[in-house]
Amino acid sequence: MTTTGEGLDGTNRTRNHEQPITLTAALVRYDGRPDRRTVYPPGLSGVARMSTWLTADADAFVDLDGSR
C-alpha cells in the first residue's frame, strides 16, 4: 500500500507502507512530576525535527509486544 501527502518542505511525497518507519525515543525524567517521552524520526535537526516530534507523559506509551 502507498500513500501520498505533503512533506515538510511542501512537496508531495509517496510512501511505501512495506518499508518500516524508524523512530527514536528520548525519555526525560523529572522529580515531582511525570516523566516525558519524545518520539521523532532520526537524522533530522532544526525545524524539520521540531515539526515532526511527539511528546507525552511516559506512562501514555505501552510496550507493543505486551499489548498484542
N, C-alpha and C. Protein backbone atom coordinates (compact mmCIF):
# COMPACT_ATOMS: atom_id res chain seq x y z
N MET A 1 0.84 -1.17 0.00
CA MET A 1 0.00 0.00 0.00
C MET A 1 0.89 1.23 0.00
N THR A 2 0.50 2.24 -0.73
CA THR A 2 1.23 3.51 -0.73
C THR A 2 0.26 4.63 -0.39
N THR A 3 0.80 5.67 0.18
CA THR A 3 0.01 6.87 0.44
C THR A 3 0.78 8.06 -0.06
N THR A 4 0.07 9.12 -0.36
CA THR A 4 0.73 10.36 -0.76
C THR A 4 0.33 11.45 0.21
N GLY A 5 1.19 12.41 0.36
CA GLY A 5 0.91 13.53 1.25
C GLY A 5 1.95 14.61 1.05
N GLU A 6 1.81 15.65 1.81
CA GLU A 6 2.73 16.77 1.68
C GLU A 6 3.87 16.61 2.66
N GLY A 7 5.09 16.76 2.18
CA GLY A 7 6.27 16.67 3.03
C GLY A 7 6.48 17.97 3.79
N LEU A 8 7.47 17.98 4.66
CA LEU A 8 7.77 19.15 5.46
C LEU A 8 8.16 20.35 4.60
N ASP A 9 8.71 20.08 3.45
CA ASP A 9 9.14 21.16 2.58
C ASP A 9 8.05 21.58 1.59
N GLY A 10 6.83 21.05 1.75
CA GLY A 10 5.71 21.42 0.89
C GLY A 10 5.61 20.60 -0.38
N THR A 11 6.53 19.69 -0.61
CA THR A 11 6.47 18.86 -1.80
C THR A 11 5.59 17.64 -1.54
N ASN A 12 5.04 17.09 -2.60
CA ASN A 12 4.25 15.88 -2.46
C ASN A 12 5.17 14.69 -2.29
N ARG A 13 4.80 13.78 -1.41
CA ARG A 13 5.62 12.60 -1.15
C ARG A 13 4.75 11.37 -1.21
N THR A 14 5.35 10.29 -1.65
CA THR A 14 4.69 8.99 -1.69
C THR A 14 5.45 8.06 -0.76
N ARG A 15 4.73 7.31 0.07
CA ARG A 15 5.37 6.39 1.00
C ARG A 15 4.88 4.98 0.75
N ASN A 16 5.82 4.05 0.67
CA ASN A 16 5.51 2.63 0.53
C ASN A 16 5.39 2.05 1.93
N HIS A 17 4.23 1.54 2.29
CA HIS A 17 3.99 1.05 3.64
C HIS A 17 4.66 -0.30 3.93
N GLU A 18 5.30 -0.89 2.94
CA GLU A 18 6.03 -2.12 3.18
C GLU A 18 7.40 -1.83 3.79
N GLN A 19 7.85 -0.59 3.69
CA GLN A 19 9.12 -0.20 4.30
C GLN A 19 8.84 0.30 5.72
N PRO A 20 9.57 -0.22 6.72
CA PRO A 20 9.30 0.19 8.10
C PRO A 20 9.70 1.64 8.36
N ILE A 21 9.01 2.26 9.29
CA ILE A 21 9.35 3.60 9.74
C ILE A 21 10.22 3.45 10.99
N THR A 22 11.33 4.11 11.02
CA THR A 22 12.21 4.08 12.18
C THR A 22 12.02 5.36 12.97
N LEU A 23 11.82 5.22 14.27
CA LEU A 23 11.67 6.36 15.16
C LEU A 23 12.65 6.25 16.32
N THR A 24 13.04 7.36 16.86
CA THR A 24 13.88 7.43 18.04
C THR A 24 13.04 7.95 19.19
N ALA A 25 13.28 7.42 20.39
CA ALA A 25 12.55 7.87 21.57
C ALA A 25 13.55 8.35 22.62
N ALA A 26 13.26 9.48 23.21
CA ALA A 26 14.09 10.02 24.29
C ALA A 26 13.21 10.19 25.53
N LEU A 27 13.71 9.73 26.66
CA LEU A 27 12.98 9.83 27.92
C LEU A 27 13.65 10.87 28.81
N VAL A 28 12.86 11.79 29.33
CA VAL A 28 13.37 12.79 30.27
C VAL A 28 12.67 12.55 31.60
N ARG A 29 13.47 12.31 32.63
CA ARG A 29 12.93 12.04 33.97
C ARG A 29 12.89 13.34 34.78
N TYR A 30 11.79 13.52 35.49
CA TYR A 30 11.59 14.71 36.31
C TYR A 30 11.34 14.31 37.76
N ASP A 31 11.75 15.14 38.68
CA ASP A 31 11.42 14.96 40.09
C ASP A 31 10.12 15.69 40.37
N GLY A 32 9.15 15.00 40.95
CA GLY A 32 7.91 15.64 41.36
C GLY A 32 6.88 15.85 40.27
N ARG A 33 7.13 15.37 39.10
CA ARG A 33 6.13 15.44 38.01
C ARG A 33 6.39 14.28 37.06
N PRO A 34 5.43 13.99 36.18
CA PRO A 34 5.58 12.81 35.31
C PRO A 34 6.78 12.92 34.36
N ASP A 35 7.43 11.77 34.15
CA ASP A 35 8.48 11.69 33.14
C ASP A 35 7.85 11.89 31.77
N ARG A 36 8.62 12.40 30.82
CA ARG A 36 8.11 12.68 29.47
C ARG A 36 8.95 11.94 28.44
N ARG A 37 8.28 11.41 27.42
CA ARG A 37 8.96 10.72 26.33
C ARG A 37 8.66 11.47 25.03
N THR A 38 9.72 11.68 24.24
CA THR A 38 9.59 12.33 22.94
C THR A 38 9.98 11.33 21.86
N VAL A 39 9.15 11.20 20.84
CA VAL A 39 9.38 10.29 19.72
C VAL A 39 9.54 11.14 18.46
N TYR A 40 10.58 10.80 17.67
CA TYR A 40 10.85 11.59 16.46
C TYR A 40 11.65 10.74 15.47
N PRO A 41 11.62 11.09 14.19
CA PRO A 41 12.43 10.38 13.20
C PRO A 41 13.89 10.75 13.38
N PRO A 42 14.80 9.78 13.30
CA PRO A 42 16.22 10.08 13.46
C PRO A 42 16.77 10.84 12.25
N GLY A 43 17.88 11.52 12.46
CA GLY A 43 18.56 12.18 11.36
C GLY A 43 18.03 13.56 11.00
N LEU A 44 17.09 14.07 11.77
CA LEU A 44 16.57 15.41 11.49
C LEU A 44 17.10 16.39 12.53
N SER A 45 17.16 17.65 12.16
CA SER A 45 17.53 18.69 13.11
C SER A 45 16.77 19.96 12.77
N GLY A 46 16.86 20.91 13.63
CA GLY A 46 16.24 22.20 13.37
C GLY A 46 14.73 22.12 13.24
N VAL A 47 14.20 22.88 12.30
CA VAL A 47 12.76 22.97 12.11
C VAL A 47 12.15 21.63 11.73
N ALA A 48 12.84 20.86 10.89
CA ALA A 48 12.30 19.56 10.48
C ALA A 48 12.07 18.66 11.69
N ARG A 49 13.00 18.64 12.63
CA ARG A 49 12.84 17.81 13.83
C ARG A 49 11.73 18.36 14.72
N MET A 50 11.70 19.66 14.91
CA MET A 50 10.69 20.26 15.78
C MET A 50 9.28 20.09 15.24
N SER A 51 9.14 19.95 13.94
CA SER A 51 7.80 19.82 13.37
C SER A 51 7.35 18.38 13.19
N THR A 52 8.19 17.41 13.61
CA THR A 52 7.81 16.00 13.46
C THR A 52 7.87 15.23 14.76
N TRP A 53 8.04 15.88 15.89
CA TRP A 53 8.12 15.15 17.15
C TRP A 53 6.78 15.03 17.83
N LEU A 54 6.70 14.11 18.74
CA LEU A 54 5.51 13.92 19.57
C LEU A 54 6.00 13.69 20.99
N THR A 55 5.50 14.46 21.95
CA THR A 55 5.90 14.32 23.34
C THR A 55 4.67 14.09 24.18
N ALA A 56 4.78 13.14 25.12
CA ALA A 56 3.68 12.83 26.04
C ALA A 56 4.26 12.27 27.32
N ASP A 57 3.43 12.20 28.36
CA ASP A 57 3.86 11.56 29.60
C ASP A 57 4.29 10.14 29.29
N ALA A 58 5.36 9.70 29.93
CA ALA A 58 5.93 8.38 29.65
C ALA A 58 4.92 7.26 29.86
N ASP A 59 4.00 7.41 30.82
CA ASP A 59 3.04 6.34 31.07
C ASP A 59 1.95 6.25 30.01
N ALA A 60 1.94 7.17 29.05
CA ALA A 60 0.99 7.10 27.94
C ALA A 60 1.45 6.09 26.88
N PHE A 61 2.72 5.70 26.93
CA PHE A 61 3.28 4.75 25.97
C PHE A 61 3.20 3.35 26.57
N VAL A 62 2.91 2.38 25.73
CA VAL A 62 2.83 0.99 26.17
C VAL A 62 3.78 0.15 25.33
N ASP A 63 4.21 -0.97 25.88
CA ASP A 63 5.04 -1.91 25.16
C ASP A 63 4.20 -2.58 24.09
N LEU A 64 4.61 -2.48 22.85
CA LEU A 64 3.83 -3.01 21.73
C LEU A 64 3.64 -4.52 21.85
N ASP A 65 4.71 -5.26 22.13
CA ASP A 65 4.58 -6.70 22.24
C ASP A 65 3.66 -7.11 23.40
N GLY A 66 3.71 -6.38 24.50
CA GLY A 66 2.86 -6.67 25.63
C GLY A 66 1.40 -6.32 25.42
N SER A 67 1.12 -5.51 24.40
CA SER A 67 -0.25 -5.08 24.13
C SER A 67 -0.93 -5.91 23.07
N ARG A 68 -0.21 -6.81 22.45
CA ARG A 68 -0.79 -7.63 21.38
C ARG A 68 -1.51 -8.81 21.93
